[in-house]
Amino acid sequence: MKKSFKNVLLAVSLFFLFLSIIAMLAQQIFYPQYIDAQGVLHETLWVPIGAFSFLLGLIGLTVYLMILIFKSIKRWIK
């Protein structure tokens, strides 16, 4: 069975959103942020991983919704 581009795009977008939630939770639970005596903020690598995967998930969902909207408009016009 061949998967359509929409289904793959939705699955990948949801995966990235789930990954961002897991990365942010792991960072908050296991590696808390702190400010040292010199005023420097110390963060782990989980913050950029979570932020980047969140952006990828949002971009993917936006493209998916645009495809759905354009297809429904195309059906409505016909």
N, C-alpha and C. Protein backbone atom coordinates (compact mmCIF):
# COMPACT_ATOMS: atom_id res chain seq x y z
N MET A 1 0.84 -1.18 0.00
CA MET A 1 0.00 0.00 0.00
C MET A 1 0.89 1.25 0.00
N LYS A 2 0.64 2.10 -0.95
CA LYS A 2 1.45 3.31 -1.08
C LYS A 2 0.92 4.40 -0.16
N LYS A 3 1.83 5.01 0.60
CA LYS A 3 1.43 6.10 1.49
C LYS A 3 1.48 7.42 0.73
N SER A 4 0.51 8.26 0.98
CA SER A 4 0.50 9.55 0.31
C SER A 4 1.46 10.51 1.02
N PHE A 5 1.81 11.55 0.30
CA PHE A 5 2.72 12.56 0.84
C PHE A 5 2.13 13.23 2.07
N LYS A 6 0.80 13.43 2.06
CA LYS A 6 0.14 14.08 3.20
C LYS A 6 0.30 13.25 4.46
N ASN A 7 0.10 11.94 4.35
CA ASN A 7 0.19 11.08 5.53
C ASN A 7 1.61 11.04 6.09
N VAL A 8 2.58 10.97 5.20
CA VAL A 8 3.97 10.95 5.64
C VAL A 8 4.34 12.28 6.28
N LEU A 9 3.89 13.38 5.68
CA LEU A 9 4.17 14.71 6.24
C LEU A 9 3.55 14.86 7.62
N LEU A 10 2.33 14.40 7.78
CA LEU A 10 1.68 14.48 9.09
C LEU A 10 2.42 13.63 10.12
N ALA A 11 2.82 12.43 9.75
CA ALA A 11 3.53 11.55 10.68
C ALA A 11 4.87 12.15 11.10
N VAL A 12 5.61 12.69 10.15
CA VAL A 12 6.91 13.28 10.46
C VAL A 12 6.74 14.52 11.34
N SER A 13 5.74 15.33 11.04
CA SER A 13 5.49 16.54 11.84
C SER A 13 5.12 16.19 13.27
N LEU A 14 4.25 15.21 13.44
CA LEU A 14 3.87 14.79 14.79
C LEU A 14 5.05 14.17 15.53
N PHE A 15 5.91 13.45 14.81
CA PHE A 15 7.12 12.90 15.43
C PHE A 15 8.01 14.01 15.97
N PHE A 16 8.23 15.06 15.17
CA PHE A 16 9.08 16.16 15.62
C PHE A 16 8.46 16.91 16.80
N LEU A 17 7.15 17.07 16.80
CA LEU A 17 6.50 17.71 17.95
C LEU A 17 6.64 16.86 19.20
N PHE A 18 6.48 15.54 19.05
CA PHE A 18 6.65 14.63 20.18
C PHE A 18 8.10 14.66 20.67
N LEU A 19 9.05 14.70 19.74
CA LEU A 19 10.47 14.77 20.10
C LEU A 19 10.78 16.05 20.86
N SER A 20 10.16 17.15 20.46
CA SER A 20 10.42 18.41 21.17
C SER A 20 9.87 18.36 22.59
N ILE A 21 8.72 17.75 22.77
CA ILE A 21 8.15 17.62 24.12
C ILE A 21 9.06 16.75 24.99
N ILE A 22 9.52 15.64 24.45
CA ILE A 22 10.41 14.74 25.20
C ILE A 22 11.73 15.44 25.53
N ALA A 23 12.29 16.18 24.59
CA ALA A 23 13.57 16.87 24.84
C ALA A 23 13.42 17.94 25.91
N MET A 24 12.34 18.70 25.86
CA MET A 24 12.15 19.75 26.87
C MET A 24 11.86 19.15 28.25
N LEU A 25 11.09 18.07 28.29
CA LEU A 25 10.83 17.42 29.57
C LEU A 25 12.12 16.82 30.15
N ALA A 26 12.92 16.19 29.30
CA ALA A 26 14.18 15.62 29.78
C ALA A 26 15.10 16.72 30.31
N GLN A 27 15.11 17.85 29.64
CA GLN A 27 15.96 18.95 30.09
C GLN A 27 15.47 19.49 31.42
N GLN A 28 14.17 19.64 31.60
CA GLN A 28 13.64 20.18 32.85
C GLN A 28 13.80 19.21 34.01
N ILE A 29 13.62 17.92 33.75
CA ILE A 29 13.66 16.93 34.83
C ILE A 29 15.09 16.57 35.23
N PHE A 30 15.92 16.24 34.24
CA PHE A 30 17.24 15.68 34.54
C PHE A 30 18.37 16.70 34.54
N TYR A 31 18.25 17.77 33.76
CA TYR A 31 19.33 18.73 33.63
C TYR A 31 18.79 20.15 33.80
N PRO A 32 18.53 20.57 35.01
CA PRO A 32 17.95 21.92 35.19
C PRO A 32 18.94 23.01 34.80
N GLN A 33 18.40 24.14 34.36
CA GLN A 33 19.22 25.30 34.03
C GLN A 33 19.61 26.00 35.33
N TYR A 34 20.76 26.63 35.31
CA TYR A 34 21.16 27.40 36.49
C TYR A 34 22.06 28.55 36.07
N ILE A 35 22.13 29.53 36.92
CA ILE A 35 23.01 30.68 36.71
C ILE A 35 24.12 30.60 37.74
N ASP A 36 25.37 30.63 37.27
CA ASP A 36 26.48 30.51 38.21
C ASP A 36 26.78 31.85 38.87
N ALA A 37 27.86 31.89 39.65
CA ALA A 37 28.19 33.08 40.43
C ALA A 37 28.55 34.28 39.55
N GLN A 38 29.05 34.03 38.34
CA GLN A 38 29.41 35.12 37.43
C GLN A 38 28.21 35.61 36.61
N GLY A 39 27.06 35.00 36.78
CA GLY A 39 25.86 35.41 36.05
C GLY A 39 25.70 34.75 34.69
N VAL A 40 26.40 33.63 34.46
CA VAL A 40 26.32 32.93 33.18
C VAL A 40 25.24 31.86 33.27
N LEU A 41 24.35 31.84 32.30
CA LEU A 41 23.29 30.83 32.25
C LEU A 41 23.85 29.55 31.65
N HIS A 42 23.66 28.43 32.34
CA HIS A 42 24.13 27.13 31.87
C HIS A 42 22.93 26.31 31.43
N GLU A 43 22.93 25.94 30.14
CA GLU A 43 21.87 25.11 29.58
C GLU A 43 22.50 23.88 28.94
N THR A 44 21.70 22.86 28.75
CA THR A 44 22.18 21.65 28.10
C THR A 44 21.84 21.70 26.61
N LEU A 45 22.23 20.66 25.91
CA LEU A 45 21.96 20.58 24.48
C LEU A 45 20.49 20.26 24.20
N TRP A 46 19.75 19.88 25.22
CA TRP A 46 18.33 19.54 25.02
C TRP A 46 17.49 20.74 24.62
N VAL A 47 17.88 21.93 25.01
CA VAL A 47 17.11 23.14 24.67
C VAL A 47 17.12 23.40 23.16
N PRO A 48 18.28 23.45 22.49
CA PRO A 48 18.22 23.67 21.04
C PRO A 48 17.62 22.50 20.27
N ILE A 49 17.82 21.28 20.76
CA ILE A 49 17.19 20.13 20.11
C ILE A 49 15.68 20.25 20.19
N GLY A 50 15.17 20.58 21.36
CA GLY A 50 13.73 20.74 21.52
C GLY A 50 13.17 21.89 20.71
N ALA A 51 13.87 23.01 20.68
CA ALA A 51 13.39 24.17 19.93
C ALA A 51 13.42 23.90 18.43
N PHE A 52 14.49 23.28 17.94
CA PHE A 52 14.59 23.00 16.51
C PHE A 52 13.56 21.98 16.06
N SER A 53 13.35 20.94 16.86
CA SER A 53 12.35 19.94 16.48
C SER A 53 10.94 20.52 16.58
N PHE A 54 10.71 21.44 17.51
CA PHE A 54 9.41 22.10 17.59
C PHE A 54 9.15 22.94 16.34
N LEU A 55 10.17 23.67 15.89
CA LEU A 55 10.03 24.46 14.67
C LEU A 55 9.78 23.58 13.45
N LEU A 56 10.51 22.47 13.34
CA LEU A 56 10.29 21.56 12.22
C LEU A 56 8.88 20.98 12.25
N GLY A 57 8.40 20.63 13.44
CA GLY A 57 7.05 20.10 13.56
C GLY A 57 6.00 21.13 13.17
N LEU A 58 6.18 22.37 13.61
CA LEU A 58 5.23 23.42 13.25
C LEU A 58 5.24 23.73 11.76
N ILE A 59 6.41 23.75 11.16
CA ILE A 59 6.50 23.99 9.72
C ILE A 59 5.82 22.86 8.96
N GLY A 60 6.06 21.64 9.38
CA GLY A 60 5.42 20.50 8.72
C GLY A 60 3.92 20.52 8.85
N LEU A 61 3.42 20.85 10.04
CA LEU A 61 1.97 20.92 10.22
C LEU A 61 1.36 22.07 9.43
N THR A 62 2.07 23.17 9.31
CA THR A 62 1.59 24.29 8.51
C THR A 62 1.47 23.90 7.04
N VAL A 63 2.49 23.22 6.52
CA VAL A 63 2.44 22.76 5.13
C VAL A 63 1.31 21.76 4.95
N TYR A 64 1.13 20.85 5.90
CA TYR A 64 0.05 19.87 5.83
C TYR A 64 -1.31 20.55 5.80
N LEU A 65 -1.51 21.53 6.67
CA LEU A 65 -2.79 22.25 6.68
C LEU A 65 -3.01 23.06 5.41
N MET A 66 -1.94 23.63 4.86
CA MET A 66 -2.07 24.36 3.60
C MET A 66 -2.47 23.43 2.47
N ILE A 67 -1.91 22.23 2.43
CA ILE A 67 -2.29 21.25 1.41
C ILE A 67 -3.76 20.89 1.56
N LEU A 68 -4.21 20.65 2.79
CA LEU A 68 -5.62 20.32 3.00
C LEU A 68 -6.54 21.46 2.57
N ILE A 69 -6.18 22.68 2.91
CA ILE A 69 -7.01 23.83 2.55
C ILE A 69 -7.06 24.01 1.04
N PHE A 70 -5.92 23.90 0.37
CA PHE A 70 -5.90 24.08 -1.08
C PHE A 70 -6.69 22.98 -1.79
N LYS A 71 -6.60 21.74 -1.29
CA LYS A 71 -7.36 20.66 -1.91
C LYS A 71 -8.86 20.85 -1.70
N SER A 72 -9.25 21.33 -0.52
CA SER A 72 -10.68 21.55 -0.28
C SER A 72 -11.20 22.71 -1.12
N ILE A 73 -10.40 23.75 -1.31
CA ILE A 73 -10.79 24.87 -2.18
C ILE A 73 -10.90 24.39 -3.63
N LYS A 74 -9.96 23.55 -4.04
CA LYS A 74 -9.98 23.02 -5.40
C LYS A 74 -11.24 22.18 -5.64
N ARG A 75 -11.62 21.36 -4.65
CA ARG A 75 -12.86 20.57 -4.77
C ARG A 75 -14.09 21.47 -4.77
N TRP A 76 -14.06 22.52 -3.99
CA TRP A 76 -15.20 23.42 -3.88
C TRP A 76 -15.42 24.20 -5.17
N ILE A 77 -14.32 24.57 -5.85
CA ILE A 77 -14.41 25.32 -7.10
C ILE A 77 -14.99 24.45 -8.21
N LYS A 78 -14.63 23.17 -8.25
CA LYS A 78 -15.11 22.28 -9.32
C LYS A 78 -16.55 22.04 -9.22
